[in-house]
Amino acid sequence: LCTNVPGSLRAFATTELGDDHYEGWGNLLHSVKT
């Protein structure tokens, strides 16, 4: 999760675990129903 290391996953963690994805996954039941 360090910024400037080879193979850094910091940006991936920030993108994929951030509020936008969190909210999207929180609405998964809506997708399953509709």
PDB file of all heavy atoms in Angstrom:
ATOM      1  N   LEU A   1       0.813  -1.214   0.000  1.00  0.00           N
ATOM      2  CA  LEU A   1       0.000   0.000   0.000  1.00  0.00           C
ATOM      3  C   LEU A   1       0.849   1.268   0.000  1.00  0.00           C
ATOM      4  O   LEU A   1       0.310   2.375   0.044  1.00  0.00           O
ATOM      5  CB  LEU A   1      -0.951  -0.004   1.198  1.00  0.00           C
ATOM      6  CG  LEU A   1      -1.958  -1.155   1.213  1.00  0.00           C
ATOM      7  CD1 LEU A   1      -2.753  -1.148   2.510  1.00  0.00           C
ATOM      8  CD2 LEU A   1      -2.876  -1.106   0.006  1.00  0.00           C
ATOM      9  N   CYS A   2       2.183   1.117  -0.046  1.00  0.00           N
ATOM     10  CA  CYS A   2       3.059   2.277  -0.186  1.00  0.00           C
ATOM     11  C   CYS A   2       2.923   2.803  -1.611  1.00  0.00           C
ATOM     12  O   CYS A   2       2.758   2.028  -2.559  1.00  0.00           O
ATOM     13  CB  CYS A   2       4.512   1.906   0.107  1.00  0.00           C
ATOM     14  SG  CYS A   2       4.809   1.449   1.833  1.00  0.00           S
ATOM     15  N   THR A   3       3.022   4.100  -1.767  1.00  0.00           N
ATOM     16  CA  THR A   3       2.752   4.727  -3.057  1.00  0.00           C
ATOM     17  C   THR A   3       3.764   4.351  -4.133  1.00  0.00           C
ATOM     18  O   THR A   3       3.396   3.964  -5.227  1.00  0.00           O
ATOM     19  CB  THR A   3       2.715   6.260  -2.900  1.00  0.00           C
ATOM     20  OG1 THR A   3       1.721   6.585  -1.924  1.00  0.00           O
ATOM     21  CG2 THR A   3       2.383   6.942  -4.213  1.00  0.00           C
ATOM     22  N   ASN A   4       5.032   4.482  -3.841  1.00  0.00           N
ATOM     23  CA  ASN A   4       6.051   4.367  -4.885  1.00  0.00           C
ATOM     24  C   ASN A   4       6.872   3.102  -4.775  1.00  0.00           C
ATOM     25  O   ASN A   4       8.099   3.142  -4.844  1.00  0.00           O
ATOM     26  CB  ASN A   4       6.954   5.603  -4.855  1.00  0.00           C
ATOM     27  CG  ASN A   4       6.189   6.855  -5.237  1.00  0.00           C
ATOM     28  OD1 ASN A   4       5.430   6.845  -6.192  1.00  0.00           O
ATOM     29  ND2 ASN A   4       6.363   7.913  -4.475  1.00  0.00           N
ATOM     30  N   VAL A   5       6.206   1.967  -4.627  1.00  0.00           N
ATOM     31  CA  VAL A   5       6.913   0.684  -4.625  1.00  0.00           C
ATOM     32  C   VAL A   5       6.441  -0.117  -5.831  1.00  0.00           C
ATOM     33  O   VAL A   5       5.299   0.038  -6.270  1.00  0.00           O
ATOM     34  CB  VAL A   5       6.669  -0.117  -3.319  1.00  0.00           C
ATOM     35  CG1 VAL A   5       7.173   0.639  -2.110  1.00  0.00           C
ATOM     36  CG2 VAL A   5       5.201  -0.474  -3.158  1.00  0.00           C
ATOM     37  N   PRO A   6       7.313  -0.946  -6.383  1.00  0.00           N
ATOM     38  CA  PRO A   6       6.860  -1.794  -7.487  1.00  0.00           C
ATOM     39  C   PRO A   6       5.675  -2.658  -7.046  1.00  0.00           C
ATOM     40  O   PRO A   6       5.679  -3.221  -5.961  1.00  0.00           O
ATOM     41  CB  PRO A   6       8.092  -2.663  -7.796  1.00  0.00           C
ATOM     42  CG  PRO A   6       9.252  -1.892  -7.253  1.00  0.00           C
ATOM     43  CD  PRO A   6       8.722  -1.134  -6.063  1.00  0.00           C
ATOM     44  N   GLY A   7       4.667  -2.716  -7.878  1.00  0.00           N
ATOM     45  CA  GLY A   7       3.482  -3.499  -7.552  1.00  0.00           C
ATOM     46  C   GLY A   7       2.555  -2.833  -6.554  1.00  0.00           C
ATOM     47  O   GLY A   7       1.691  -3.493  -5.976  1.00  0.00           O
ATOM     48  N   SER A   8       2.698  -1.526  -6.341  1.00  0.00           N
ATOM     49  CA  SER A   8       1.848  -0.822  -5.381  1.00  0.00           C
ATOM     50  C   SER A   8       0.374  -1.044  -5.680  1.00  0.00           C
ATOM     51  O   SER A   8      -0.074  -0.953  -6.822  1.00  0.00           O
ATOM     52  CB  SER A   8       2.133   0.680  -5.409  1.00  0.00           C
ATOM     53  OG  SER A   8       1.213   1.372  -4.571  1.00  0.00           O
ATOM     54  N   LEU A   9      -0.382  -1.334  -4.627  1.00  0.00           N
ATOM     55  CA  LEU A   9      -1.825  -1.520  -4.744  1.00  0.00           C
ATOM     56  C   LEU A   9      -2.602  -0.375  -4.088  1.00  0.00           C
ATOM     57  O   LEU A   9      -3.814  -0.470  -3.910  1.00  0.00           O
ATOM     58  CB  LEU A   9      -2.232  -2.854  -4.116  1.00  0.00           C
ATOM     59  CG  LEU A   9      -1.684  -4.090  -4.826  1.00  0.00           C
ATOM     60  CD1 LEU A   9      -2.005  -5.348  -4.025  1.00  0.00           C
ATOM     61  CD2 LEU A   9      -2.243  -4.189  -6.234  1.00  0.00           C
ATOM     62  N   ARG A  10      -1.891   0.708  -3.723  1.00  0.00           N
ATOM     63  CA  ARG A  10      -2.561   1.809  -3.036  1.00  0.00           C
ATOM     64  C   ARG A  10      -3.690   2.406  -3.880  1.00  0.00           C
ATOM     65  O   ARG A  10      -4.815   2.576  -3.392  1.00  0.00           O
ATOM     66  CB  ARG A  10      -1.570   2.904  -2.655  1.00  0.00           C
ATOM     67  CG  ARG A  10      -2.268   4.026  -1.913  1.00  0.00           C
ATOM     68  CD  ARG A  10      -1.379   5.147  -1.489  1.00  0.00           C
ATOM     69  NE  ARG A  10      -2.176   6.159  -0.814  1.00  0.00           N
ATOM     70  CZ  ARG A  10      -1.795   7.390  -0.653  1.00  0.00           C
ATOM     71  NH1 ARG A  10      -0.606   7.789  -1.076  1.00  0.00           N
ATOM     72  NH2 ARG A  10      -2.581   8.251  -0.042  1.00  0.00           N
ATOM     73  N   ALA A  11      -3.425   2.720  -5.133  1.00  0.00           N
ATOM     74  CA  ALA A  11      -4.464   3.315  -5.978  1.00  0.00           C
ATOM     75  C   ALA A  11      -5.597   2.325  -6.211  1.00  0.00           C
ATOM     76  O   ALA A  11      -6.772   2.714  -6.247  1.00  0.00           O
ATOM     77  CB  ALA A  11      -3.871   3.784  -7.306  1.00  0.00           C
ATOM     78  N   PHE A  12      -5.271   1.052  -6.348  1.00  0.00           N
ATOM     79  CA  PHE A  12      -6.310   0.035  -6.529  1.00  0.00           C
ATOM     80  C   PHE A  12      -7.191  -0.036  -5.288  1.00  0.00           C
ATOM     81  O   PHE A  12      -8.422  -0.053  -5.386  1.00  0.00           O
ATOM     82  CB  PHE A  12      -5.671  -1.323  -6.821  1.00  0.00           C
ATOM     83  CG  PHE A  12      -6.665  -2.431  -7.014  1.00  0.00           C
ATOM     84  CD1 PHE A  12      -7.436  -2.496  -8.163  1.00  0.00           C
ATOM     85  CD2 PHE A  12      -6.837  -3.412  -6.048  1.00  0.00           C
ATOM     86  CE1 PHE A  12      -8.361  -3.519  -8.351  1.00  0.00           C
ATOM     87  CE2 PHE A  12      -7.760  -4.437  -6.229  1.00  0.00           C
ATOM     88  CZ  PHE A  12      -8.527  -4.494  -7.383  1.00  0.00           C
ATOM     89  N   ALA A  13      -6.564  -0.061  -4.100  1.00  0.00           N
ATOM     90  CA  ALA A  13      -7.338  -0.125  -2.854  1.00  0.00           C
ATOM     91  C   ALA A  13      -8.212   1.111  -2.694  1.00  0.00           C
ATOM     92  O   ALA A  13      -9.374   1.014  -2.297  1.00  0.00           O
ATOM     93  CB  ALA A  13      -6.397  -0.279  -1.660  1.00  0.00           C
ATOM     94  N   THR A  14      -7.670   2.274  -3.017  1.00  0.00           N
ATOM     95  CA  THR A  14      -8.434   3.511  -2.882  1.00  0.00           C
ATOM     96  C   THR A  14      -9.608   3.531  -3.858  1.00  0.00           C
ATOM     97  O   THR A  14     -10.711   3.941  -3.506  1.00  0.00           O
ATOM     98  CB  THR A  14      -7.523   4.730  -3.111  1.00  0.00           C
ATOM     99  OG1 THR A  14      -6.421   4.658  -2.202  1.00  0.00           O
ATOM    100  CG2 THR A  14      -8.257   6.029  -2.879  1.00  0.00           C
ATOM    101  N   THR A  15      -9.371   3.052  -5.081  1.00  0.00           N
ATOM    102  CA  THR A  15     -10.430   3.034  -6.091  1.00  0.00           C
ATOM    103  C   THR A  15     -11.480   1.979  -5.776  1.00  0.00           C
ATOM    104  O   THR A  15     -12.679   2.259  -5.719  1.00  0.00           O
ATOM    105  CB  THR A  15      -9.831   2.766  -7.485  1.00  0.00           C
ATOM    106  OG1 THR A  15      -8.896   3.800  -7.799  1.00  0.00           O
ATOM    107  CG2 THR A  15     -10.905   2.733  -8.551  1.00  0.00           C
ATOM    108  N   GLU A  16     -11.041   0.758  -5.555  1.00  0.00           N
ATOM    109  CA  GLU A  16     -11.976  -0.364  -5.415  1.00  0.00           C
ATOM    110  C   GLU A  16     -12.664  -0.428  -4.053  1.00  0.00           C
ATOM    111  O   GLU A  16     -13.747  -0.986  -3.943  1.00  0.00           O
ATOM    112  CB  GLU A  16     -11.261  -1.680  -5.696  1.00  0.00           C
ATOM    113  CG  GLU A  16     -10.802  -1.815  -7.129  1.00  0.00           C
ATOM    114  CD  GLU A  16     -11.938  -1.734  -8.134  1.00  0.00           C
ATOM    115  OE1 GLU A  16     -12.949  -2.450  -7.955  1.00  0.00           O
ATOM    116  OE2 GLU A  16     -11.821  -0.955  -9.090  1.00  0.00           O
ATOM    117  N   LEU A  17     -12.022   0.104  -3.026  1.00  0.00           N
ATOM    118  CA  LEU A  17     -12.612   0.051  -1.685  1.00  0.00           C
ATOM    119  C   LEU A  17     -13.201   1.389  -1.259  1.00  0.00           C
ATOM    120  O   LEU A  17     -13.693   1.528  -0.141  1.00  0.00           O
ATOM    121  CB  LEU A  17     -11.564  -0.405  -0.659  1.00  0.00           C
ATOM    122  CG  LEU A  17     -10.956  -1.778  -0.905  1.00  0.00           C
ATOM    123  CD1 LEU A  17      -9.835  -2.050   0.095  1.00  0.00           C
ATOM    124  CD2 LEU A  17     -12.011  -2.863  -0.845  1.00  0.00           C
ATOM    125  N   GLY A  18     -13.145   2.377  -2.149  1.00  0.00           N
ATOM    126  CA  GLY A  18     -13.649   3.710  -1.836  1.00  0.00           C
ATOM    127  C   GLY A  18     -15.165   3.772  -1.778  1.00  0.00           C
ATOM    128  O   GLY A  18     -15.871   2.803  -2.051  1.00  0.00           O
ATOM    129  N   ASP A  19     -15.643   4.943  -1.432  1.00  0.00           N
ATOM    130  CA  ASP A  19     -17.068   5.123  -1.193  1.00  0.00           C
ATOM    131  C   ASP A  19     -17.927   4.827  -2.415  1.00  0.00           C
ATOM    132  O   ASP A  19     -19.046   4.333  -2.280  1.00  0.00           O
ATOM    133  CB  ASP A  19     -17.342   6.544  -0.694  1.00  0.00           C
ATOM    134  CG  ASP A  19     -16.742   6.776   0.688  1.00  0.00           C
ATOM    135  OD1 ASP A  19     -16.541   5.782   1.419  1.00  0.00           O
ATOM    136  OD2 ASP A  19     -16.469   7.935   1.023  1.00  0.00           O
ATOM    137  N   ASP A  20     -17.418   5.112  -3.616  1.00  0.00           N
ATOM    138  CA  ASP A  20     -18.250   4.865  -4.792  1.00  0.00           C
ATOM    139  C   ASP A  20     -18.474   3.364  -5.005  1.00  0.00           C
ATOM    140  O   ASP A  20     -19.600   2.928  -5.225  1.00  0.00           O
ATOM    141  CB  ASP A  20     -17.649   5.520  -6.037  1.00  0.00           C
ATOM    142  CG  ASP A  20     -16.228   5.082  -6.310  1.00  0.00           C
ATOM    143  OD1 ASP A  20     -15.496   4.790  -5.359  1.00  0.00           O
ATOM    144  OD2 ASP A  20     -15.855   5.031  -7.491  1.00  0.00           O
ATOM    145  N   HIS A  21     -17.435   2.568  -4.920  1.00  0.00           N
ATOM    146  CA  HIS A  21     -17.619   1.121  -5.066  1.00  0.00           C
ATOM    147  C   HIS A  21     -18.389   0.539  -3.869  1.00  0.00           C
ATOM    148  O   HIS A  21     -19.201  -0.359  -4.031  1.00  0.00           O
ATOM    149  CB  HIS A  21     -16.273   0.401  -5.217  1.00  0.00           C
ATOM    150  CG  HIS A  21     -15.794   0.383  -6.619  1.00  0.00           C
ATOM    151  ND1 HIS A  21     -14.996   1.367  -7.138  1.00  0.00           N
ATOM    152  CD2 HIS A  21     -16.022  -0.494  -7.623  1.00  0.00           C
ATOM    153  CE1 HIS A  21     -14.748   1.104  -8.399  1.00  0.00           C
ATOM    154  NE2 HIS A  21     -15.354  -0.024  -8.722  1.00  0.00           N
ATOM    155  N   TYR A  22     -18.118   1.058  -2.695  1.00  0.00           N
ATOM    156  CA  TYR A  22     -18.801   0.594  -1.490  1.00  0.00           C
ATOM    157  C   TYR A  22     -20.307   0.776  -1.646  1.00  0.00           C
ATOM    158  O   TYR A  22     -21.091  -0.131  -1.376  1.00  0.00           O
ATOM    159  CB  TYR A  22     -18.259   1.378  -0.294  1.00  0.00           C
ATOM    160  CG  TYR A  22     -18.763   0.950   1.042  1.00  0.00           C
ATOM    161  CD1 TYR A  22     -18.296  -0.213   1.645  1.00  0.00           C
ATOM    162  CD2 TYR A  22     -19.681   1.727   1.732  1.00  0.00           C
ATOM    163  CE1 TYR A  22     -18.746  -0.597   2.896  1.00  0.00           C
ATOM    164  CE2 TYR A  22     -20.134   1.345   2.978  1.00  0.00           C
ATOM    165  CZ  TYR A  22     -19.663   0.183   3.554  1.00  0.00           C
ATOM    166  OH  TYR A  22     -20.110  -0.194   4.788  1.00  0.00           O
ATOM    167  N   GLU A  23     -20.702   1.946  -2.116  1.00  0.00           N
ATOM    168  CA  GLU A  23     -22.124   2.240  -2.313  1.00  0.00           C
ATOM    169  C   GLU A  23     -22.713   1.389  -3.438  1.00  0.00           C
ATOM    170  O   GLU A  23     -23.837   0.891  -3.339  1.00  0.00           O
ATOM    171  CB  GLU A  23     -22.321   3.726  -2.629  1.00  0.00           C
ATOM    172  CG  GLU A  23     -23.750   4.171  -2.670  1.00  0.00           C
ATOM    173  CD  GLU A  23     -24.414   4.200  -1.314  1.00  0.00           C
ATOM    174  OE1 GLU A  23     -23.721   4.359  -0.303  1.00  0.00           O
ATOM    175  OE2 GLU A  23     -25.657   4.069  -1.269  1.00  0.00           O
ATOM    176  N   GLY A  24     -21.942   1.208  -4.488  1.00  0.00           N
ATOM    177  CA  GLY A  24     -22.402   0.367  -5.588  1.00  0.00           C
ATOM    178  C   GLY A  24     -22.653  -1.066  -5.139  1.00  0.00           C
ATOM    179  O   GLY A  24     -23.708  -1.643  -5.401  1.00  0.00           O
ATOM    180  N   TRP A  25     -21.693  -1.648  -4.442  1.00  0.00           N
ATOM    181  CA  TRP A  25     -21.865  -3.017  -3.929  1.00  0.00           C
ATOM    182  C   TRP A  25     -22.989  -3.075  -2.902  1.00  0.00           C
ATOM    183  O   TRP A  25     -23.664  -4.092  -2.761  1.00  0.00           O
ATOM    184  CB  TRP A  25     -20.567  -3.546  -3.322  1.00  0.00           C
ATOM    185  CG  TRP A  25     -19.606  -4.015  -4.363  1.00  0.00           C
ATOM    186  CD1 TRP A  25     -18.495  -3.359  -4.816  1.00  0.00           C
ATOM    187  CD2 TRP A  25     -19.662  -5.243  -5.096  1.00  0.00           C
ATOM    188  NE1 TRP A  25     -17.868  -4.103  -5.789  1.00  0.00           N
ATOM    189  CE2 TRP A  25     -18.568  -5.271  -5.978  1.00  0.00           C
ATOM    190  CE3 TRP A  25     -20.541  -6.320  -5.104  1.00  0.00           C
ATOM    191  CZ2 TRP A  25     -18.322  -6.324  -6.844  1.00  0.00           C
ATOM    192  CZ3 TRP A  25     -20.306  -7.373  -5.970  1.00  0.00           C
ATOM    193  CH2 TRP A  25     -19.200  -7.366  -6.829  1.00  0.00           C
ATOM    194  N   GLY A  26     -23.201  -1.994  -2.188  1.00  0.00           N
ATOM    195  CA  GLY A  26     -24.287  -1.941  -1.221  1.00  0.00           C
ATOM    196  C   GLY A  26     -25.662  -2.043  -1.870  1.00  0.00           C
ATOM    197  O   GLY A  26     -26.649  -2.324  -1.213  1.00  0.00           O
ATOM    198  N   ASN A  27     -25.722  -1.807  -3.170  1.00  0.00           N
ATOM    199  CA  ASN A  27     -26.979  -1.879  -3.915  1.00  0.00           C
ATOM    200  C   ASN A  27     -27.076  -3.133  -4.782  1.00  0.00           C
ATOM    201  O   ASN A  27     -27.867  -3.188  -5.715  1.00  0.00           O
ATOM    202  CB  ASN A  27     -27.132  -0.627  -4.777  1.00  0.00           C
ATOM    203  CG  ASN A  27     -27.647   0.544  -3.976  1.00  0.00           C
ATOM    204  OD1 ASN A  27     -28.841   0.735  -3.859  1.00  0.00           O
ATOM    205  ND2 ASN A  27     -26.738   1.308  -3.395  1.00  0.00           N
ATOM    206  N   LEU A  28     -26.266  -4.137  -4.472  1.00  0.00           N
ATOM    207  CA  LEU A  28     -26.262  -5.369  -5.249  1.00  0.00           C
ATOM    208  C   LEU A  28     -27.630  -6.054  -5.262  1.00  0.00           C
ATOM    209  O   LEU A  28     -28.060  -6.596  -6.286  1.00  0.00           O
ATOM    210  CB  LEU A  28     -25.187  -6.323  -4.722  1.00  0.00           C
ATOM    211  CG  LEU A  28     -24.997  -7.634  -5.481  1.00  0.00           C
ATOM    212  CD1 LEU A  28     -24.641  -7.381  -6.937  1.00  0.00           C
ATOM    213  CD2 LEU A  28     -23.921  -8.474  -4.806  1.00  0.00           C
ATOM    214  N   LEU A  29     -28.336  -6.011  -4.144  1.00  0.00           N
ATOM    215  CA  LEU A  29     -29.655  -6.638  -4.097  1.00  0.00           C
ATOM    216  C   LEU A  29     -30.591  -6.015  -5.136  1.00  0.00           C
ATOM    217  O   LEU A  29     -31.381  -6.716  -5.764  1.00  0.00           O
ATOM    218  CB  LEU A  29     -30.256  -6.548  -2.689  1.00  0.00           C
ATOM    219  CG  LEU A  29     -31.615  -7.222  -2.494  1.00  0.00           C
ATOM    220  CD1 LEU A  29     -31.551  -8.710  -2.831  1.00  0.00           C
ATOM    221  CD2 LEU A  29     -32.096  -7.013  -1.056  1.00  0.00           C
ATOM    222  N   HIS A  30     -30.471  -4.702  -5.337  1.00  0.00           N
ATOM    223  CA  HIS A  30     -31.278  -4.036  -6.369  1.00  0.00           C
ATOM    224  C   HIS A  30     -31.003  -4.669  -7.736  1.00  0.00           C
ATOM    225  O   HIS A  30     -31.935  -4.919  -8.509  1.00  0.00           O
ATOM    226  CB  HIS A  30     -30.976  -2.535  -6.394  1.00  0.00           C
ATOM    227  CG  HIS A  30     -31.675  -1.819  -7.502  1.00  0.00           C
ATOM    228  ND1 HIS A  30     -33.002  -1.458  -7.434  1.00  0.00           N
ATOM    229  CD2 HIS A  30     -31.240  -1.422  -8.724  1.00  0.00           C
ATOM    230  CE1 HIS A  30     -33.350  -0.854  -8.557  1.00  0.00           C
ATOM    231  NE2 HIS A  30     -32.296  -0.827  -9.359  1.00  0.00           N
ATOM    232  N   SER A  31     -29.738  -4.933  -8.046  1.00  0.00           N
ATOM    233  CA  SER A  31     -29.387  -5.570  -9.325  1.00  0.00           C
ATOM    234  C   SER A  31     -29.980  -6.960  -9.436  1.00  0.00           C
ATOM    235  O   SER A  31     -30.507  -7.334 -10.491  1.00  0.00           O
ATOM    236  CB  SER A  31     -27.862  -5.666  -9.483  1.00  0.00           C
ATOM    237  OG  SER A  31     -27.315  -4.413  -9.702  1.00  0.00           O
ATOM    238  N   VAL A  32     -29.895  -7.716  -8.369  1.00  0.00           N
ATOM    239  CA  VAL A  32     -30.413  -9.083  -8.390  1.00  0.00           C
ATOM    240  C   VAL A  32     -31.926  -9.080  -8.600  1.00  0.00           C
ATOM    241  O   VAL A  32     -32.468  -9.922  -9.317  1.00  0.00           O
ATOM    242  CB  VAL A  32     -30.014  -9.837  -7.096  1.00  0.00           C
ATOM    243  CG1 VAL A  32     -30.708 -11.176  -6.990  1.00  0.00           C
ATOM    244  CG2 VAL A  32     -28.501 -10.006  -7.042  1.00  0.00           C
ATOM    245  N   LYS A  33     -32.603  -8.118  -7.992  1.00  0.00           N
ATOM    246  CA  LYS A  33     -34.062  -8.060  -8.119  1.00  0.00           C
ATOM    247  C   LYS A  33     -34.516  -7.515  -9.473  1.00  0.00           C
ATOM    248  O   LYS A  33     -35.538  -7.944 -10.009  1.00  0.00           O
ATOM    249  CB  LYS A  33     -34.659  -7.190  -7.014  1.00  0.00           C
ATOM    250  CG  LYS A  33     -34.638  -7.845  -5.655  1.00  0.00           C
ATOM    251  CD  LYS A  33     -35.287  -6.930  -4.631  1.00  0.00           C
ATOM    252  CE  LYS A  33     -35.460  -7.647  -3.302  1.00  0.00           C
ATOM    253  NZ  LYS A  33     -36.169  -6.794  -2.329  1.00  0.00           N
ATOM    254  N   THR A  34     -33.775  -6.556 -10.028  1.00  0.00           N
ATOM    255  CA  THR A  34     -34.258  -5.839 -11.211  1.00  0.00           C
ATOM    256  C   THR A  34     -33.456  -6.095 -12.481  1.00  0.00           C
ATOM    257  O   THR A  34     -33.940  -5.811 -13.571  1.00  0.00           O
ATOM    258  CB  THR A  34     -34.229  -4.317 -10.961  1.00  0.00           C
ATOM    259  OG1 THR A  34     -32.865  -3.904 -10.825  1.00  0.00           O
ATOM    260  CG2 THR A  34     -35.036  -3.938  -9.735  1.00  0.00           C
TER     261      THR A  34
END
